[in-house]
Amino acid sequence: TCDICDQFGRFSVFVTYMVLTLFFIPTFRWNRRYYVRTSCCNTIYELDPSIGRRIEAGEQLTIRDEDLTLVSRGRSMTSHKKCPVCGYETEEDFEYCPMCGRRF
């Protein structure tokens, strides 16, 4: 379960890096970073590089909370609001409707 939205979801692990190319051929990679995105609310964490390298090598690992550093907090799927007066829909955390000014 996700610590941010308390929903059940999956982790997607991906890697980013800088590449030096010579004549369109990648020759050198550096600044490799591993990230994890949750499927429930799209929260992004940075993954410990040693764990990321092991996953990239094909090992089946369990990602623990100690291996993750929060980068970007995602949006919960339950934060959708609709104004009962004018019907305006938003995912922002407004207390009043920006269209008609009524309280949500």
C-alpha atoms as a PDB file:
ATOM      1  CA  THR A   1       0.000   0.000   0.000  1.00  0.00           C
ATOM      2  CA  CYS A   2       1.130   3.526  -0.806  1.00  0.00           C
ATOM      3  CA  ASP A   3       2.208   5.749   2.094  1.00  0.00           C
ATOM      4  CA  ILE A   4       0.832   8.833   0.318  1.00  0.00           C
ATOM      5  CA  CYS A   5      -2.692   7.815  -0.777  1.00  0.00           C
ATOM      6  CA  ASP A   6      -3.218   4.535   1.185  1.00  0.00           C
ATOM      7  CA  GLN A   7      -4.199   2.737  -2.039  1.00  0.00           C
ATOM      8  CA  PHE A   8      -2.827  -0.565  -3.316  1.00  0.00           C
ATOM      9  CA  GLY A   9      -0.561  -0.117  -6.330  1.00  0.00           C
ATOM     10  CA  ARG A  10       2.587  -1.208  -8.172  1.00  0.00           C
ATOM     11  CA  PHE A  11       6.067   0.256  -8.453  1.00  0.00           C
ATOM     12  CA  SER A  12       7.507   1.083 -11.868  1.00  0.00           C
ATOM     13  CA  VAL A  13      11.291   1.362 -11.776  1.00  0.00           C
ATOM     14  CA  PHE A  14      13.076   3.464 -14.388  1.00  0.00           C
ATOM     15  CA  VAL A  15      16.572   4.854 -14.891  1.00  0.00           C
ATOM     16  CA  THR A  16      17.826   8.213 -16.183  1.00  0.00           C
ATOM     17  CA  TYR A  17      21.361   9.113 -17.237  1.00  0.00           C
ATOM     18  CA  MET A  18      23.428  11.509 -19.338  1.00  0.00           C
ATOM     19  CA  VAL A  19      24.940  10.199 -22.584  1.00  0.00           C
ATOM     20  CA  LEU A  20      27.887  11.323 -24.671  1.00  0.00           C
ATOM     21  CA  THR A  21      27.353  10.407 -28.309  1.00  0.00           C
ATOM     22  CA  LEU A  22      29.887  10.437 -31.129  1.00  0.00           C
ATOM     23  CA  PHE A  23      28.357  10.457 -34.576  1.00  0.00           C
ATOM     24  CA  PHE A  24      24.992   9.340 -33.112  1.00  0.00           C
ATOM     25  CA  ILE A  25      26.587   6.377 -31.295  1.00  0.00           C
ATOM     26  CA  PRO A  26      26.255   6.398 -27.485  1.00  0.00           C
ATOM     27  CA  THR A  27      29.776   6.001 -26.123  1.00  0.00           C
ATOM     28  CA  PHE A  28      29.731   7.064 -22.476  1.00  0.00           C
ATOM     29  CA  ARG A  29      26.994   7.204 -19.797  1.00  0.00           C
ATOM     30  CA  TRP A  30      27.177   8.978 -16.454  1.00  0.00           C
ATOM     31  CA  ASN A  31      24.968  10.394 -13.686  1.00  0.00           C
ATOM     32  CA  ARG A  32      22.815   7.258 -13.605  1.00  0.00           C
ATOM     33  CA  ARG A  33      19.812   7.604 -11.266  1.00  0.00           C
ATOM     34  CA  TYR A  34      17.041   5.156 -10.502  1.00  0.00           C
ATOM     35  CA  TYR A  35      13.475   6.237  -9.799  1.00  0.00           C
ATOM     36  CA  VAL A  36      10.283   4.514  -8.712  1.00  0.00           C
ATOM     37  CA  ARG A  37       6.774   5.695  -9.670  1.00  0.00           C
ATOM     38  CA  THR A  38       3.654   4.364  -7.966  1.00  0.00           C
ATOM     39  CA  SER A  39       0.710   3.310 -10.119  1.00  0.00           C
ATOM     40  CA  CYS A  40      -1.918   4.531  -7.664  1.00  0.00           C
ATOM     41  CA  CYS A  41      -1.102   8.238  -7.308  1.00  0.00           C
ATOM     42  CA  ASN A  42       2.044   8.729  -9.449  1.00  0.00           C
ATOM     43  CA  THR A  43       4.279   9.593  -6.506  1.00  0.00           C
ATOM     44  CA  ILE A  44       7.953   9.519  -7.509  1.00  0.00           C
ATOM     45  CA  TYR A  45      10.776   8.264  -5.294  1.00  0.00           C
ATOM     46  CA  GLU A  46      14.512   8.074  -5.920  1.00  0.00           C
ATOM     47  CA  LEU A  47      15.777   4.526  -5.461  1.00  0.00           C
ATOM     48  CA  ASP A  48      19.035   3.586  -3.772  1.00  0.00           C
ATOM     49  CA  PRO A  49      21.578   3.141  -6.635  1.00  0.00           C
ATOM     50  CA  SER A  50      22.831  -0.219  -5.376  1.00  0.00           C
ATOM     51  CA  ILE A  51      19.275  -1.604  -5.404  1.00  0.00           C
ATOM     52  CA  GLY A  52      18.636  -0.052  -8.832  1.00  0.00           C
ATOM     53  CA  ARG A  53      21.726  -1.696 -10.321  1.00  0.00           C
ATOM     54  CA  ARG A  54      20.675  -5.083  -8.947  1.00  0.00           C
ATOM     55  CA  ILE A  55      17.175  -4.709 -10.410  1.00  0.00           C
ATOM     56  CA  GLU A  56      18.657  -3.635 -13.748  1.00  0.00           C
ATOM     57  CA  ALA A  57      20.840  -6.774 -13.686  1.00  0.00           C
ATOM     58  CA  GLY A  58      17.672  -8.888 -13.446  1.00  0.00           C
ATOM     59  CA  GLU A  59      17.509  -9.746  -9.739  1.00  0.00           C
ATOM     60  CA  GLN A  60      14.068 -10.114  -8.175  1.00  0.00           C
ATOM     61  CA  LEU A  61      14.168  -7.831  -5.134  1.00  0.00           C
ATOM     62  CA  THR A  62      11.695  -6.425  -2.654  1.00  0.00           C
ATOM     63  CA  ILE A  63      11.929  -2.636  -2.462  1.00  0.00           C
ATOM     64  CA  ARG A  64      11.850  -1.483   1.154  1.00  0.00           C
ATOM     65  CA  ASP A  65      10.903   1.944   2.512  1.00  0.00           C
ATOM     66  CA  GLU A  66      14.554   2.508   3.525  1.00  0.00           C
ATOM     67  CA  ASP A  67      15.582   2.248  -0.158  1.00  0.00           C
ATOM     68  CA  LEU A  68      13.313   5.128  -1.256  1.00  0.00           C
ATOM     69  CA  THR A  69      13.657   8.916  -1.017  1.00  0.00           C
ATOM     70  CA  LEU A  70      10.566  10.993  -1.804  1.00  0.00           C
ATOM     71  CA  VAL A  71      11.066  13.256  -4.846  1.00  0.00           C
ATOM     72  CA  SER A  72       7.557  14.298  -5.874  1.00  0.00           C
ATOM     73  CA  ARG A  73       4.309  13.698  -4.036  1.00  0.00           C
ATOM     74  CA  GLY A  74       1.564  12.432  -6.334  1.00  0.00           C
ATOM     75  CA  ARG A  75      -2.108  13.185  -6.348  1.00  0.00           C
ATOM     76  CA  SER A  76      -4.555  10.951  -4.594  1.00  0.00           C
ATOM     77  CA  MET A  77      -7.342   9.632  -6.786  1.00  0.00           C
ATOM     78  CA  THR A  78      -9.908  10.571  -4.127  1.00  0.00           C
ATOM     79  CA  SER A  79      -9.189  14.335  -4.211  1.00  0.00           C
ATOM     80  CA  HIS A  80     -11.605  14.982  -7.112  1.00  0.00           C
ATOM     81  CA  LYS A  81     -14.129  17.713  -6.210  1.00  0.00           C
ATOM     82  CA  LYS A  82     -17.288  18.848  -7.977  1.00  0.00           C
ATOM     83  CA  CYS A  83     -19.203  22.012  -7.113  1.00  0.00           C
ATOM     84  CA  PRO A  84     -22.842  21.188  -6.245  1.00  0.00           C
ATOM     85  CA  VAL A  85     -24.028  24.595  -7.539  1.00  0.00           C
ATOM     86  CA  CYS A  86     -22.303  25.181 -10.904  1.00  0.00           C
ATOM     87  CA  GLY A  87     -20.850  21.710 -11.606  1.00  0.00           C
ATOM     88  CA  TYR A  88     -17.204  22.853 -11.860  1.00  0.00           C
ATOM     89  CA  GLU A  89     -14.808  19.895 -11.398  1.00  0.00           C
ATOM     90  CA  THR A  90     -11.275  20.144 -10.024  1.00  0.00           C
ATOM     91  CA  GLU A  91      -8.526  18.029  -8.497  1.00  0.00           C
ATOM     92  CA  GLU A  92      -7.027  20.976  -6.619  1.00  0.00           C
ATOM     93  CA  ASP A  93      -7.469  21.353  -2.874  1.00  0.00           C
ATOM     94  CA  PHE A  94      -9.726  24.417  -3.045  1.00  0.00           C
ATOM     95  CA  GLU A  95     -12.094  25.221  -0.211  1.00  0.00           C
ATOM     96  CA  TYR A  96     -14.271  27.428  -2.438  1.00  0.00           C
ATOM     97  CA  CYS A  97     -15.296  26.962  -6.068  1.00  0.00           C
ATOM     98  CA  PRO A  98     -13.184  29.213  -8.353  1.00  0.00           C
ATOM     99  CA  MET A  99     -16.132  29.623 -10.770  1.00  0.00           C
ATOM    100  CA  CYS A 100     -19.045  30.606  -8.521  1.00  0.00           C
ATOM    101  CA  GLY A 101     -17.394  31.188  -5.124  1.00  0.00           C
ATOM    102  CA  ARG A 102     -19.522  28.669  -3.233  1.00  0.00           C
ATOM    103  CA  ARG A 103     -17.983  26.358  -0.636  1.00  0.00           C
ATOM    104  CA  PHE A 104     -17.228  22.807  -1.810  1.00  0.00           C
END
